[in-house]
Each structure stands twice: as structure tokens, then as C-alpha cells.
Amino acid sequence: MKVTVGIDVVDVERFRKALSRWNDRLKQRLFTEEELRYCEGKHDPALHMAARFAAKVSLFKALGRFFSYKDVTVTRDDSGMPGFNVTGDMGGDTISLSITHDGGLAFAQTLVCRD
């Protein structure tokens, strides 16, 4: 079994400034409608968008390949555990995701296990 790791950190204020500058254009490029509904329902949508962006980038790093941002949705299961819904073939990979934010930073780590 091969395990690969992807990690990403996003400065929330820098991301907030990018959202302010590019607003809907940036949101529509990076996030699915499901993600936007989730984030915009929160007290600080930019914080949650920054965390989801970090998660997507960590997935790309762990896989060693890029997908369209809109082909990846960061999800939560019934217990609140984060995960991914990816459009296209993932080849049976097992993927684990961890997301957190603190001190103005959003962090994400993705583990991919391949047989």
C-alpha cells in the first residue's frame, strides 16, 4: 500500500481580500453550489471558504494531479467528519481529510491510500 500526503495552509485575511476583489467570479471558479450554501450560512463565510480551498489544494498535492476546483466538493458526513466528493475516476483510492482553522489561518491535510 502506498500512502501520500497533501497539506495546505491559507491566510484567511488574504483570502478574504481576494474574495472582496473578485467576489462572485472567484467563488464561482472555486466552489460548488453545495459548498457556497454551506459557507454562506456561517457567521464568517470567508473563513469556511478558505478552509475548503485549503482542503482542495491538499487533495491535489496528495494525488499529485490537478482537478478542476468545481469537480471537487468538500463534504461533511452525518457526524461532521469532512471528506471529498470528486467527479471522475479516483481509482479506488481511500481518502481521509482533516480541516481546522485558528489564528487567522485555515489548514487542511489529506491522506490518500492506494493499493
PDB file of N, CA and C in Angstrom:
ATOM      1  N   MET A   1       0.845  -1.184   0.000  1.00  0.00           N
ATOM      2  CA  MET A   1       0.000   0.000   0.000  1.00  0.00           C
ATOM      3  C   MET A   1       0.888   1.244   0.000  1.00  0.00           C
ATOM      4  N   LYS A   2       0.514   2.200  -0.805  1.00  0.00           N
ATOM      5  CA  LYS A   2       1.229   3.471  -0.886  1.00  0.00           C
ATOM      6  C   LYS A   2       0.362   4.558  -0.266  1.00  0.00           C
ATOM      7  N   VAL A   3       0.964   5.358   0.618  1.00  0.00           N
ATOM      8  CA  VAL A   3       0.252   6.461   1.257  1.00  0.00           C
ATOM      9  C   VAL A   3       0.921   7.763   0.840  1.00  0.00           C
ATOM     10  N   THR A   4       0.118   8.711   0.379  1.00  0.00           N
ATOM     11  CA  THR A   4       0.635  10.040   0.046  1.00  0.00           C
ATOM     12  C   THR A   4      -0.110  11.078   0.877  1.00  0.00           C
ATOM     13  N   VAL A   5       0.571  12.188   1.130  1.00  0.00           N
ATOM     14  CA  VAL A   5       0.038  13.241   1.995  1.00  0.00           C
ATOM     15  C   VAL A   5       0.071  14.568   1.257  1.00  0.00           C
ATOM     16  N   GLY A   6      -0.979  15.342   1.435  1.00  0.00           N
ATOM     17  CA  GLY A   6      -1.014  16.709   0.927  1.00  0.00           C
ATOM     18  C   GLY A   6      -1.423  17.640   2.056  1.00  0.00           C
ATOM     19  N   ILE A   7      -0.732  18.750   2.186  1.00  0.00           N
ATOM     20  CA  ILE A   7      -1.018  19.725   3.240  1.00  0.00           C
ATOM     21  C   ILE A   7      -1.092  21.106   2.596  1.00  0.00           C
ATOM     22  N   ASP A   8      -2.023  21.938   3.072  1.00  0.00           N
ATOM     23  CA  ASP A   8      -2.085  23.307   2.593  1.00  0.00           C
ATOM     24  C   ASP A   8      -2.535  24.228   3.723  1.00  0.00           C
ATOM     25  N   VAL A   9      -2.042  25.455   3.685  1.00  0.00           N
ATOM     26  CA  VAL A   9      -2.387  26.488   4.658  1.00  0.00           C
ATOM     27  C   VAL A   9      -2.810  27.731   3.884  1.00  0.00           C
ATOM     28  N   VAL A  10      -3.905  28.342   4.314  1.00  0.00           N
ATOM     29  CA  VAL A  10      -4.401  29.561   3.669  1.00  0.00           C
ATOM     30  C   VAL A  10      -4.522  30.663   4.710  1.00  0.00           C
ATOM     31  N   ASP A  11      -3.966  31.820   4.410  1.00  0.00           N
ATOM     32  CA  ASP A  11      -4.132  33.009   5.239  1.00  0.00           C
ATOM     33  C   ASP A  11      -5.543  33.533   5.002  1.00  0.00           C
ATOM     34  N   VAL A  12      -6.368  33.509   6.019  1.00  0.00           N
ATOM     35  CA  VAL A  12      -7.790  33.841   5.864  1.00  0.00           C
ATOM     36  C   VAL A  12      -7.968  35.296   5.430  1.00  0.00           C
ATOM     37  N   GLU A  13      -7.197  36.220   5.978  1.00  0.00           N
ATOM     38  CA  GLU A  13      -7.354  37.629   5.591  1.00  0.00           C
ATOM     39  C   GLU A  13      -6.965  37.858   4.130  1.00  0.00           C
ATOM     40  N   ARG A  14      -5.924  37.187   3.692  1.00  0.00           N
ATOM     41  CA  ARG A  14      -5.530  37.296   2.290  1.00  0.00           C
ATOM     42  C   ARG A  14      -6.628  36.730   1.389  1.00  0.00           C
ATOM     43  N   PHE A  15      -7.224  35.604   1.806  1.00  0.00           N
ATOM     44  CA  PHE A  15      -8.310  35.012   1.040  1.00  0.00           C
ATOM     45  C   PHE A  15      -9.528  35.937   1.042  1.00  0.00           C
ATOM     46  N   ARG A  16      -9.797  36.559   2.193  1.00  0.00           N
ATOM     47  CA  ARG A  16     -10.921  37.494   2.307  1.00  0.00           C
ATOM     48  C   ARG A  16     -10.737  38.677   1.355  1.00  0.00           C
ATOM     49  N   LYS A  17      -9.506  39.183   1.237  1.00  0.00           N
ATOM     50  CA  LYS A  17      -9.216  40.291   0.313  1.00  0.00           C
ATOM     51  C   LYS A  17      -9.428  39.866  -1.139  1.00  0.00           C
ATOM     52  N   ALA A  18      -9.016  38.637  -1.458  1.00  0.00           N
ATOM     53  CA  ALA A  18      -9.234  38.134  -2.824  1.00  0.00           C
ATOM     54  C   ALA A  18     -10.728  38.022  -3.109  1.00  0.00           C
ATOM     55  N   LEU A  19     -11.497  37.549  -2.120  1.00  0.00           N
ATOM     56  CA  LEU A  19     -12.951  37.484  -2.294  1.00  0.00           C
ATOM     57  C   LEU A  19     -13.552  38.870  -2.480  1.00  0.00           C
ATOM     58  N   SER A  20     -13.055  39.834  -1.732  1.00  0.00           N
ATOM     59  CA  SER A  20     -13.559  41.201  -1.843  1.00  0.00           C
ATOM     60  C   SER A  20     -13.260  41.771  -3.235  1.00  0.00           C
ATOM     61  N   ARG A  21     -12.085  41.462  -3.740  1.00  0.00           N
ATOM     62  CA  ARG A  21     -11.682  41.987  -5.047  1.00  0.00           C
ATOM     63  C   ARG A  21     -12.432  41.296  -6.185  1.00  0.00           C
ATOM     64  N   TRP A  22     -12.535  39.939  -6.132  1.00  0.00           N
ATOM     65  CA  TRP A  22     -13.078  39.165  -7.252  1.00  0.00           C
ATOM     66  C   TRP A  22     -14.485  38.648  -7.008  1.00  0.00           C
ATOM     67  N   ASN A  23     -14.949  38.680  -5.767  1.00  0.00           N
ATOM     68  CA  ASN A  23     -16.280  38.283  -5.302  1.00  0.00           C
ATOM     69  C   ASN A  23     -16.870  37.077  -6.031  1.00  0.00           C
ATOM     70  N   ASP A  24     -17.996  37.250  -6.707  1.00  0.00           N
ATOM     71  CA  ASP A  24     -18.702  36.110  -7.299  1.00  0.00           C
ATOM     72  C   ASP A  24     -17.867  35.377  -8.341  1.00  0.00           C
ATOM     73  N   ARG A  25     -17.029  36.085  -9.041  1.00  0.00           N
ATOM     74  CA  ARG A  25     -16.196  35.452 -10.062  1.00  0.00           C
ATOM     75  C   ARG A  25     -15.268  34.408  -9.432  1.00  0.00           C
ATOM     76  N   LEU A  26     -14.639  34.753  -8.312  1.00  0.00           N
ATOM     77  CA  LEU A  26     -13.753  33.819  -7.619  1.00  0.00           C
ATOM     78  C   LEU A  26     -14.551  32.682  -6.988  1.00  0.00           C
ATOM     79  N   LYS A  27     -15.648  33.017  -6.343  1.00  0.00           N
ATOM     80  CA  LYS A  27     -16.485  31.988  -5.716  1.00  0.00           C
ATOM     81  C   LYS A  27     -16.968  30.968  -6.737  1.00  0.00           C
ATOM     82  N   GLN A  28     -17.413  31.440  -7.885  1.00  0.00           N
ATOM     83  CA  GLN A  28     -17.934  30.540  -8.913  1.00  0.00           C
ATOM     84  C   GLN A  28     -16.826  29.678  -9.526  1.00  0.00           C
ATOM     85  N   ARG A  29     -15.616  30.160  -9.510  1.00  0.00           N
ATOM     86  CA  ARG A  29     -14.498  29.388 -10.064  1.00  0.00           C
ATOM     87  C   ARG A  29     -14.035  28.293  -9.099  1.00  0.00           C
ATOM     88  N   LEU A  30     -14.098  28.574  -7.792  1.00  0.00           N
ATOM     89  CA  LEU A  30     -13.507  27.668  -6.805  1.00  0.00           C
ATOM     90  C   LEU A  30     -14.474  26.707  -6.133  1.00  0.00           C
ATOM     91  N   PHE A  31     -15.755  27.071  -6.026  1.00  0.00           N
ATOM     92  CA  PHE A  31     -16.661  26.314  -5.167  1.00  0.00           C
ATOM     93  C   PHE A  31     -17.914  25.838  -5.886  1.00  0.00           C
ATOM     94  N   THR A  32     -18.409  24.703  -5.430  1.00  0.00           N
ATOM     95  CA  THR A  32     -19.679  24.186  -5.943  1.00  0.00           C
ATOM     96  C   THR A  32     -20.819  24.908  -5.235  1.00  0.00           C
ATOM     97  N   GLU A  33     -22.009  24.782  -5.781  1.00  0.00           N
ATOM     98  CA  GLU A  33     -23.182  25.412  -5.162  1.00  0.00           C
ATOM     99  C   GLU A  33     -23.406  24.879  -3.745  1.00  0.00           C
ATOM    100  N   GLU A  34     -23.187  23.585  -3.562  1.00  0.00           N
ATOM    101  CA  GLU A  34     -23.340  22.976  -2.229  1.00  0.00           C
ATOM    102  C   GLU A  34     -22.381  23.614  -1.222  1.00  0.00           C
ATOM    103  N   GLU A  35     -21.139  23.818  -1.626  1.00  0.00           N
ATOM    104  CA  GLU A  35     -20.157  24.448  -0.735  1.00  0.00           C
ATOM    105  C   GLU A  35     -20.531  25.894  -0.431  1.00  0.00           C
ATOM    106  N   LEU A  36     -20.979  26.623  -1.444  1.00  0.00           N
ATOM    107  CA  LEU A  36     -21.359  28.018  -1.228  1.00  0.00           C
ATOM    108  C   LEU A  36     -22.543  28.133  -0.278  1.00  0.00           C
ATOM    109  N   ARG A  37     -23.524  27.245  -0.421  1.00  0.00           N
ATOM    110  CA  ARG A  37     -24.668  27.258   0.502  1.00  0.00           C
ATOM    111  C   ARG A  37     -24.202  27.026   1.940  1.00  0.00           C
ATOM    112  N   TYR A  38     -23.318  26.052   2.114  1.00  0.00           N
ATOM    113  CA  TYR A  38     -22.807  25.750   3.451  1.00  0.00           C
ATOM    114  C   TYR A  38     -22.059  26.950   4.028  1.00  0.00           C
ATOM    115  N   CYS A  39     -21.092  27.479   3.277  1.00  0.00           N
ATOM    116  CA  CYS A  39     -20.246  28.568   3.768  1.00  0.00           C
ATOM    117  C   CYS A  39     -21.034  29.848   4.015  1.00  0.00           C
ATOM    118  N   GLU A  40     -21.930  30.183   3.101  1.00  0.00           N
ATOM    119  CA  GLU A  40     -22.674  31.431   3.240  1.00  0.00           C
ATOM    120  C   GLU A  40     -23.704  31.367   4.359  1.00  0.00           C
ATOM    121  N   GLY A  41     -23.976  30.180   4.872  1.00  0.00           N
ATOM    122  CA  GLY A  41     -24.850  30.029   6.032  1.00  0.00           C
ATOM    123  C   GLY A  41     -24.118  30.187   7.350  1.00  0.00           C
ATOM    124  N   LYS A  42     -22.809  30.383   7.306  1.00  0.00           N
ATOM    125  CA  LYS A  42     -21.986  30.523   8.507  1.00  0.00           C
ATOM    126  C   LYS A  42     -21.794  31.995   8.857  1.00  0.00           C
ATOM    127  N   HIS A  43     -21.404  32.237  10.112  1.00  0.00           N
ATOM    128  CA  HIS A  43     -21.168  33.603  10.599  1.00  0.00           C
ATOM    129  C   HIS A  43     -20.055  34.297   9.813  1.00  0.00           C
ATOM    130  N   ASP A  44     -18.992  33.544   9.457  1.00  0.00           N
ATOM    131  CA  ASP A  44     -17.864  34.100   8.713  1.00  0.00           C
ATOM    132  C   ASP A  44     -17.620  33.240   7.470  1.00  0.00           C
ATOM    133  N   PRO A  45     -18.357  33.487   6.393  1.00  0.00           N
ATOM    134  CA  PRO A  45     -18.230  32.646   5.201  1.00  0.00           C
ATOM    135  C   PRO A  45     -16.810  32.544   4.653  1.00  0.00           C
ATOM    136  N   ALA A  46     -16.045  33.628   4.686  1.00  0.00           N
ATOM    137  CA  ALA A  46     -14.691  33.615   4.120  1.00  0.00           C
ATOM    138  C   ALA A  46     -13.800  32.612   4.854  1.00  0.00           C
ATOM    139  N   LEU A  47     -13.962  32.471   6.142  1.00  0.00           N
ATOM    140  CA  LEU A  47     -13.183  31.507   6.921  1.00  0.00           C
ATOM    141  C   LEU A  47     -13.436  30.090   6.429  1.00  0.00           C
ATOM    142  N   HIS A  48     -14.685  29.758   6.204  1.00  0.00           N
ATOM    143  CA  HIS A  48     -15.052  28.417   5.763  1.00  0.00           C
ATOM    144  C   HIS A  48     -14.677  28.183   4.297  1.00  0.00           C
ATOM    145  N   MET A  49     -14.738  29.228   3.477  1.00  0.00           N
ATOM    146  CA  MET A  49     -14.289  29.097   2.092  1.00  0.00           C
ATOM    147  C   MET A  49     -12.780  28.888   2.038  1.00  0.00           C
ATOM    148  N   ALA A  50     -12.036  29.612   2.867  1.00  0.00           N
ATOM    149  CA  ALA A  50     -10.579  29.448   2.912  1.00  0.00           C
ATOM    150  C   ALA A  50     -10.216  28.016   3.305  1.00  0.00           C
ATOM    151  N   ALA A  51     -10.944  27.453   4.276  1.00  0.00           N
ATOM    152  CA  ALA A  51     -10.681  26.081   4.710  1.00  0.00           C
ATOM    153  C   ALA A  51     -10.978  25.086   3.588  1.00  0.00           C
ATOM    154  N   ARG A  52     -12.044  25.296   2.854  1.00  0.00           N
ATOM    155  CA  ARG A  52     -12.382  24.401   1.749  1.00  0.00           C
ATOM    156  C   ARG A  52     -11.385  24.518   0.599  1.00  0.00           C
ATOM    157  N   PHE A  53     -10.919  25.732   0.356  1.00  0.00           N
ATOM    158  CA  PHE A  53      -9.885  25.917  -0.665  1.00  0.00           C
ATOM    159  C   PHE A  53      -8.615  25.169  -0.253  1.00  0.00           C
ATOM    160  N   ALA A  54      -8.208  25.300   1.011  1.00  0.00           N
ATOM    161  CA  ALA A  54      -7.030  24.574   1.505  1.00  0.00           C
ATOM    162  C   ALA A  54      -7.223  23.067   1.359  1.00  0.00           C
ATOM    163  N   ALA A  55      -8.429  22.585   1.626  1.00  0.00           N
ATOM    164  CA  ALA A  55      -8.706  21.156   1.507  1.00  0.00           C
ATOM    165  C   ALA A  55      -8.533  20.687   0.064  1.00  0.00           C
ATOM    166  N   LYS A  56      -9.066  21.444  -0.871  1.00  0.00           N
ATOM    167  CA  LYS A  56      -8.952  21.053  -2.281  1.00  0.00           C
ATOM    168  C   LYS A  56      -7.495  21.020  -2.728  1.00  0.00           C
ATOM    169  N   VAL A  57      -6.732  22.023  -2.350  1.00  0.00           N
ATOM    170  CA  VAL A  57      -5.318  22.071  -2.731  1.00  0.00           C
ATOM    171  C   VAL A  57      -4.556  20.917  -2.076  1.00  0.00           C
ATOM    172  N   SER A  58      -4.886  20.592  -0.829  1.00  0.00           N
ATOM    173  CA  SER A  58      -4.215  19.463  -0.173  1.00  0.00           C
ATOM    174  C   SER A  58      -4.522  18.148  -0.893  1.00  0.00           C
ATOM    175  N   LEU A  59      -5.740  18.010  -1.426  1.00  0.00           N
ATOM    176  CA  LEU A  59      -6.084  16.821  -2.206  1.00  0.00           C
ATOM    177  C   LEU A  59      -5.243  16.747  -3.480  1.00  0.00           C
ATOM    178  N   PHE A  60      -5.127  17.862  -4.193  1.00  0.00           N
ATOM    179  CA  PHE A  60      -4.336  17.892  -5.423  1.00  0.00           C
ATOM    180  C   PHE A  60      -2.884  17.503  -5.134  1.00  0.00           C
ATOM    181  N   LYS A  61      -2.351  17.995  -4.034  1.00  0.00           N
ATOM    182  CA  LYS A  61      -0.971  17.675  -3.661  1.00  0.00           C
ATOM    183  C   LYS A  61      -0.830  16.190  -3.318  1.00  0.00           C
ATOM    184  N   ALA A  62      -1.780  15.649  -2.570  1.00  0.00           N
ATOM    185  CA  ALA A  62      -1.709  14.235  -2.188  1.00  0.00           C
ATOM    186  C   ALA A  62      -1.822  13.316  -3.397  1.00  0.00           C
ATOM    187  N   LEU A  63      -2.654  13.689  -4.351  1.00  0.00           N
ATOM    188  CA  LEU A  63      -2.843  12.873  -5.545  1.00  0.00           C
ATOM    189  C   LEU A  63      -1.749  13.091  -6.586  1.00  0.00           C
ATOM    190  N   GLY A  64      -1.081  14.229  -6.498  1.00  0.00           N
ATOM    191  CA  GLY A  64      -0.065  14.549  -7.494  1.00  0.00           C
ATOM    192  C   GLY A  64      -0.655  14.944  -8.826  1.00  0.00           C
ATOM    193  N   ARG A  65      -1.913  15.380  -8.799  1.00  0.00           N
ATOM    194  CA  ARG A  65      -2.565  15.832 -10.034  1.00  0.00           C
ATOM    195  C   ARG A  65      -3.650  16.847  -9.690  1.00  0.00           C
ATOM    196  N   PHE A  66      -4.030  17.594 -10.689  1.00  0.00           N
ATOM    197  CA  PHE A  66      -4.996  18.677 -10.510  1.00  0.00           C
ATOM    198  C   PHE A  66      -6.336  18.284 -11.131  1.00  0.00           C
ATOM    199  N   PHE A  67      -7.391  18.625 -10.445  1.00  0.00           N
ATOM    200  CA  PHE A  67      -8.753  18.551 -10.976  1.00  0.00           C
ATOM    201  C   PHE A  67      -9.250  19.984 -11.087  1.00  0.00           C
ATOM    202  N   SER A  68     -10.332  20.187 -11.797  1.00  0.00           N
ATOM    203  CA  SER A  68     -10.997  21.478 -11.728  1.00  0.00           C
ATOM    204  C   SER A  68     -11.506  21.640 -10.295  1.00  0.00           C
ATOM    205  N   TYR A  69     -11.401  22.841  -9.757  1.00  0.00           N
ATOM    206  CA  TYR A  69     -11.895  23.084  -8.400  1.00  0.00           C
ATOM    207  C   TYR A  69     -13.367  22.707  -8.269  1.00  0.00           C
ATOM    208  N   LYS A  70     -14.116  22.911  -9.333  1.00  0.00           N
ATOM    209  CA  LYS A  70     -15.553  22.629  -9.289  1.00  0.00           C
ATOM    210  C   LYS A  70     -15.861  21.134  -9.391  1.00  0.00           C
ATOM    211  N   ASP A  71     -14.858  20.311  -9.729  1.00  0.00           N
ATOM    212  CA  ASP A  71     -15.045  18.859  -9.758  1.00  0.00           C
ATOM    213  C   ASP A  71     -14.836  18.218  -8.390  1.00  0.00           C
ATOM    214  N   VAL A  72     -14.464  19.027  -7.422  1.00  0.00           N
ATOM    215  CA  VAL A  72     -14.223  18.540  -6.057  1.00  0.00           C
ATOM    216  C   VAL A  72     -15.136  19.304  -5.111  1.00  0.00           C
ATOM    217  N   THR A  73     -15.919  18.573  -4.332  1.00  0.00           N
ATOM    218  CA  THR A  73     -16.764  19.183  -3.308  1.00  0.00           C
ATOM    219  C   THR A  73     -16.289  18.697  -1.947  1.00  0.00           C
ATOM    220  N   VAL A  74     -16.019  19.629  -1.049  1.00  0.00           N
ATOM    221  CA  VAL A  74     -15.698  19.264   0.324  1.00  0.00           C
ATOM    222  C   VAL A  74     -17.031  19.034   1.036  1.00  0.00           C
ATOM    223  N   THR A  75     -17.166  17.856   1.620  1.00  0.00           N
ATOM    224  CA  THR A  75     -18.421  17.452   2.239  1.00  0.00           C
ATOM    225  C   THR A  75     -18.229  17.203   3.731  1.00  0.00           C
ATOM    226  N   ARG A  76     -19.339  16.953   4.396  1.00  0.00           N
ATOM    227  CA  ARG A  76     -19.330  16.531   5.802  1.00  0.00           C
ATOM    228  C   ARG A  76     -20.333  15.393   5.928  1.00  0.00           C
ATOM    229  N   ASP A  77     -19.930  14.333   6.643  1.00  0.00           N
ATOM    230  CA  ASP A  77     -20.883  13.244   6.847  1.00  0.00           C
ATOM    231  C   ASP A  77     -21.800  13.581   8.026  1.00  0.00           C
ATOM    232  N   ASP A  78     -22.671  12.667   8.393  1.00  0.00           N
ATOM    233  CA  ASP A  78     -23.652  12.924   9.450  1.00  0.00           C
ATOM    234  C   ASP A  78     -23.009  13.247  10.794  1.00  0.00           C
ATOM    235  N   SER A  79     -21.800  12.745  11.024  1.00  0.00           N
ATOM    236  CA  SER A  79     -21.114  13.021  12.287  1.00  0.00           C
ATOM    237  C   SER A  79     -20.283  14.298  12.223  1.00  0.00           C
ATOM    238  N   GLY A  80     -20.212  14.931  11.045  1.00  0.00           N
ATOM    239  CA  GLY A  80     -19.452  16.165  10.880  1.00  0.00           C
ATOM    240  C   GLY A  80     -18.056  15.963  10.319  1.00  0.00           C
ATOM    241  N   MET A  81     -17.664  14.705  10.073  1.00  0.00           N
ATOM    242  CA  MET A  81     -16.333  14.433   9.538  1.00  0.00           C
ATOM    243  C   MET A  81     -16.231  14.920   8.091  1.00  0.00           C
ATOM    244  N   PRO A  82     -15.161  15.675   7.776  1.00  0.00           N
ATOM    245  CA  PRO A  82     -15.019  16.176   6.405  1.00  0.00           C
ATOM    246  C   PRO A  82     -14.550  15.091   5.453  1.00  0.00           C
ATOM    247  N   GLY A  83     -14.878  15.297   4.190  1.00  0.00           N
ATOM    248  CA  GLY A  83     -14.451  14.381   3.141  1.00  0.00           C
ATOM    249  C   GLY A  83     -14.586  15.060   1.802  1.00  0.00           C
ATOM    250  N   PHE A  84     -14.410  14.279   0.745  1.00  0.00           N
ATOM    251  CA  PHE A  84     -14.493  14.810  -0.611  1.00  0.00           C
ATOM    252  C   PHE A  84     -15.512  14.034  -1.423  1.00  0.00           C
ATOM    253  N   ASN A  85     -16.142  14.732  -2.336  1.00  0.00           N
ATOM    254  CA  ASN A  85     -16.911  14.121  -3.405  1.00  0.00           C
ATOM    255  C   ASN A  85     -16.236  14.615  -4.681  1.00  0.00           C
ATOM    256  N   VAL A  86     -15.633  13.675  -5.423  1.00  0.00           N
ATOM    257  CA  VAL A  86     -14.855  14.039  -6.606  1.00  0.00           C
ATOM    258  C   VAL A  86     -15.546  13.497  -7.849  1.00  0.00           C
ATOM    259  N   THR A  87     -15.755  14.371  -8.827  1.00  0.00           N
ATOM    260  CA  THR A  87     -16.311  13.954 -10.111  1.00  0.00           C
ATOM    261  C   THR A  87     -15.199  13.273 -10.903  1.00  0.00           C
ATOM    262  N   GLY A  88     -15.463  12.084 -11.392  1.00  0.00           N
ATOM    263  CA  GLY A  88     -14.465  11.372 -12.177  1.00  0.00           C
ATOM    264  C   GLY A  88     -13.915  10.169 -11.444  1.00  0.00           C
ATOM    265  N   ASP A  89     -12.979   9.494 -12.069  1.00  0.00           N
ATOM    266  CA  ASP A  89     -12.430   8.252 -11.552  1.00  0.00           C
ATOM    267  C   ASP A  89     -11.323   8.510 -10.545  1.00  0.00           C
ATOM    268  N   MET A  90     -11.516   8.003  -9.322  1.00  0.00           N
ATOM    269  CA  MET A  90     -10.481   8.100  -8.292  1.00  0.00           C
ATOM    270  C   MET A  90      -9.713   6.792  -8.160  1.00  0.00           C
ATOM    271  N   GLY A  91     -10.071   5.789  -8.951  1.00  0.00           N
ATOM    272  CA  GLY A  91      -9.320   4.546  -8.978  1.00  0.00           C
ATOM    273  C   GLY A  91      -9.350   3.754  -7.686  1.00  0.00           C
ATOM    274  N   GLY A  92     -10.368   3.906  -6.860  1.00  0.00           N
ATOM    275  CA  GLY A  92     -10.477   3.126  -5.632  1.00  0.00           C
ATOM    276  C   GLY A  92      -9.606   3.621  -4.489  1.00  0.00           C
ATOM    277  N   ASP A  93      -9.036   4.810  -4.606  1.00  0.00           N
ATOM    278  CA  ASP A  93      -8.228   5.362  -3.519  1.00  0.00           C
ATOM    279  C   ASP A  93      -9.084   5.597  -2.278  1.00  0.00           C
ATOM    280  N   THR A  94      -8.498   5.371  -1.107  1.00  0.00           N
ATOM    281  CA  THR A  94      -9.131   5.730   0.158  1.00  0.00           C
ATOM    282  C   THR A  94      -8.561   7.079   0.576  1.00  0.00           C
ATOM    283  N   ILE A  95      -9.455   8.041   0.837  1.00  0.00           N
ATOM    284  CA  ILE A  95      -9.021   9.411   1.114  1.00  0.00           C
ATOM    285  C   ILE A  95      -9.534   9.850   2.477  1.00  0.00           C
ATOM    286  N   SER A  96      -8.640  10.421   3.280  1.00  0.00           N
ATOM    287  CA  SER A  96      -9.005  10.989   4.577  1.00  0.00           C
ATOM    288  C   SER A  96      -8.634  12.465   4.579  1.00  0.00           C
ATOM    289  N   LEU A  97      -9.501  13.282   5.168  1.00  0.00           N
ATOM    290  CA  LEU A  97      -9.308  14.732   5.192  1.00  0.00           C
ATOM    291  C   LEU A  97      -9.452  15.257   6.614  1.00  0.00           C
ATOM    292  N   SER A  98      -8.583  16.185   6.971  1.00  0.00           N
ATOM    293  CA  SER A  98      -8.700  16.916   8.227  1.00  0.00           C
ATOM    294  C   SER A  98      -8.596  18.402   7.919  1.00  0.00           C
ATOM    295  N   ILE A  99      -9.513  19.181   8.502  1.00  0.00           N
ATOM    296  CA  ILE A  99      -9.537  20.637   8.292  1.00  0.00           C
ATOM    297  C   ILE A  99      -9.614  21.313   9.655  1.00  0.00           C
ATOM    298  N   THR A 100      -8.905  22.429   9.789  1.00  0.00           N
ATOM    299  CA  THR A 100      -9.025  23.236  11.001  1.00  0.00           C
ATOM    300  C   THR A 100      -8.712  24.688  10.651  1.00  0.00           C
ATOM    301  N   HIS A 101      -9.104  25.592  11.528  1.00  0.00           N
ATOM    302  CA  HIS A 101      -8.735  26.991  11.357  1.00  0.00           C
ATOM    303  C   HIS A 101      -8.528  27.608  12.728  1.00  0.00           C
ATOM    304  N   ASP A 102      -7.487  28.446  12.813  1.00  0.00           N
ATOM    305  CA  ASP A 102      -7.150  29.107  14.075  1.00  0.00           C
ATOM    306  C   ASP A 102      -6.148  30.217  13.777  1.00  0.00           C
ATOM    307  N   GLY A 103      -6.229  31.278  14.540  1.00  0.00           N
ATOM    308  CA  GLY A 103      -5.248  32.346  14.432  1.00  0.00           C
ATOM    309  C   GLY A 103      -5.145  32.976  13.060  1.00  0.00           C
ATOM    310  N   GLY A 104      -6.251  33.023  12.336  1.00  0.00           N
ATOM    311  CA  GLY A 104      -6.252  33.648  11.023  1.00  0.00           C
ATOM    312  C   GLY A 104      -5.747  32.761   9.899  1.00  0.00           C
ATOM    313  N   LEU A 105      -5.541  31.470  10.197  1.00  0.00           N
ATOM    314  CA  LEU A 105      -5.083  30.525   9.186  1.00  0.00           C
ATOM    315  C   LEU A 105      -6.058  29.363   9.077  1.00  0.00           C
ATOM    316  N   ALA A 106      -6.200  28.843   7.871  1.00  0.00           N
ATOM    317  CA  ALA A 106      -7.003  27.644   7.624  1.00  0.00           C
ATOM    318  C   ALA A 106      -6.044  26.561   7.136  1.00  0.00           C
ATOM    319  N   PHE A 107      -6.119  25.388   7.760  1.00  0.00           N
ATOM    320  CA  PHE A 107      -5.225  24.280   7.446  1.00  0.00           C
ATOM    321  C   PHE A 107      -6.020  23.089   6.958  1.00  0.00           C
ATOM    322  N   ALA A 108      -5.434  22.315   6.043  1.00  0.00           N
ATOM    323  CA  ALA A 108      -6.053  21.066   5.608  1.00  0.00           C
ATOM    324  C   ALA A 108      -4.958  20.048   5.324  1.00  0.00           C
ATOM    325  N   GLN A 109      -5.243  18.797   5.685  1.00  0.00           N
ATOM    326  CA  GLN A 109      -4.327  17.704   5.403  1.00  0.00           C
ATOM    327  C   GLN A 109      -5.138  16.565   4.804  1.00  0.00           C
ATOM    328  N   THR A 110      -4.632  16.016   3.710  1.00  0.00           N
ATOM    329  CA  THR A 110      -5.287  14.897   3.038  1.00  0.00           C
ATOM    330  C   THR A 110      -4.321  13.718   2.971  1.00  0.00           C
ATOM    331  N   LEU A 111      -4.833  12.535   3.325  1.00  0.00           N
ATOM    332  CA  LEU A 111      -4.091  11.284   3.181  1.00  0.00           C
ATOM    333  C   LEU A 111      -4.774  10.458   2.109  1.00  0.00           C
ATOM    334  N   VAL A 112      -3.998   9.935   1.189  1.00  0.00           N
ATOM    335  CA  VAL A 112      -4.522   9.075   0.141  1.00  0.00           C
ATOM    336  C   VAL A 112      -3.816   7.726   0.260  1.00  0.00           C
ATOM    337  N   CYS A 113      -4.608   6.643   0.399  1.00  0.00           N
ATOM    338  CA  CYS A 113      -4.066   5.289   0.466  1.00  0.00           C
ATOM    339  C   CYS A 113      -4.425   4.571  -0.820  1.00  0.00           C
ATOM    340  N   ARG A 114      -3.383   4.015  -1.457  1.00  0.00           N
ATOM    341  CA  ARG A 114      -3.573   3.284  -2.717  1.00  0.00           C
ATOM    342  C   ARG A 114      -3.065   1.865  -2.547  1.00  0.00           C
ATOM    343  N   ASP A 115      -3.779   0.918  -3.108  1.00  0.00           N
ATOM    344  CA  ASP A 115      -3.322  -0.484  -3.066  1.00  0.00           C
ATOM    345  C   ASP A 115      -2.237  -0.735  -4.077  1.00  0.00           C
TER     346      ASP A 115
END
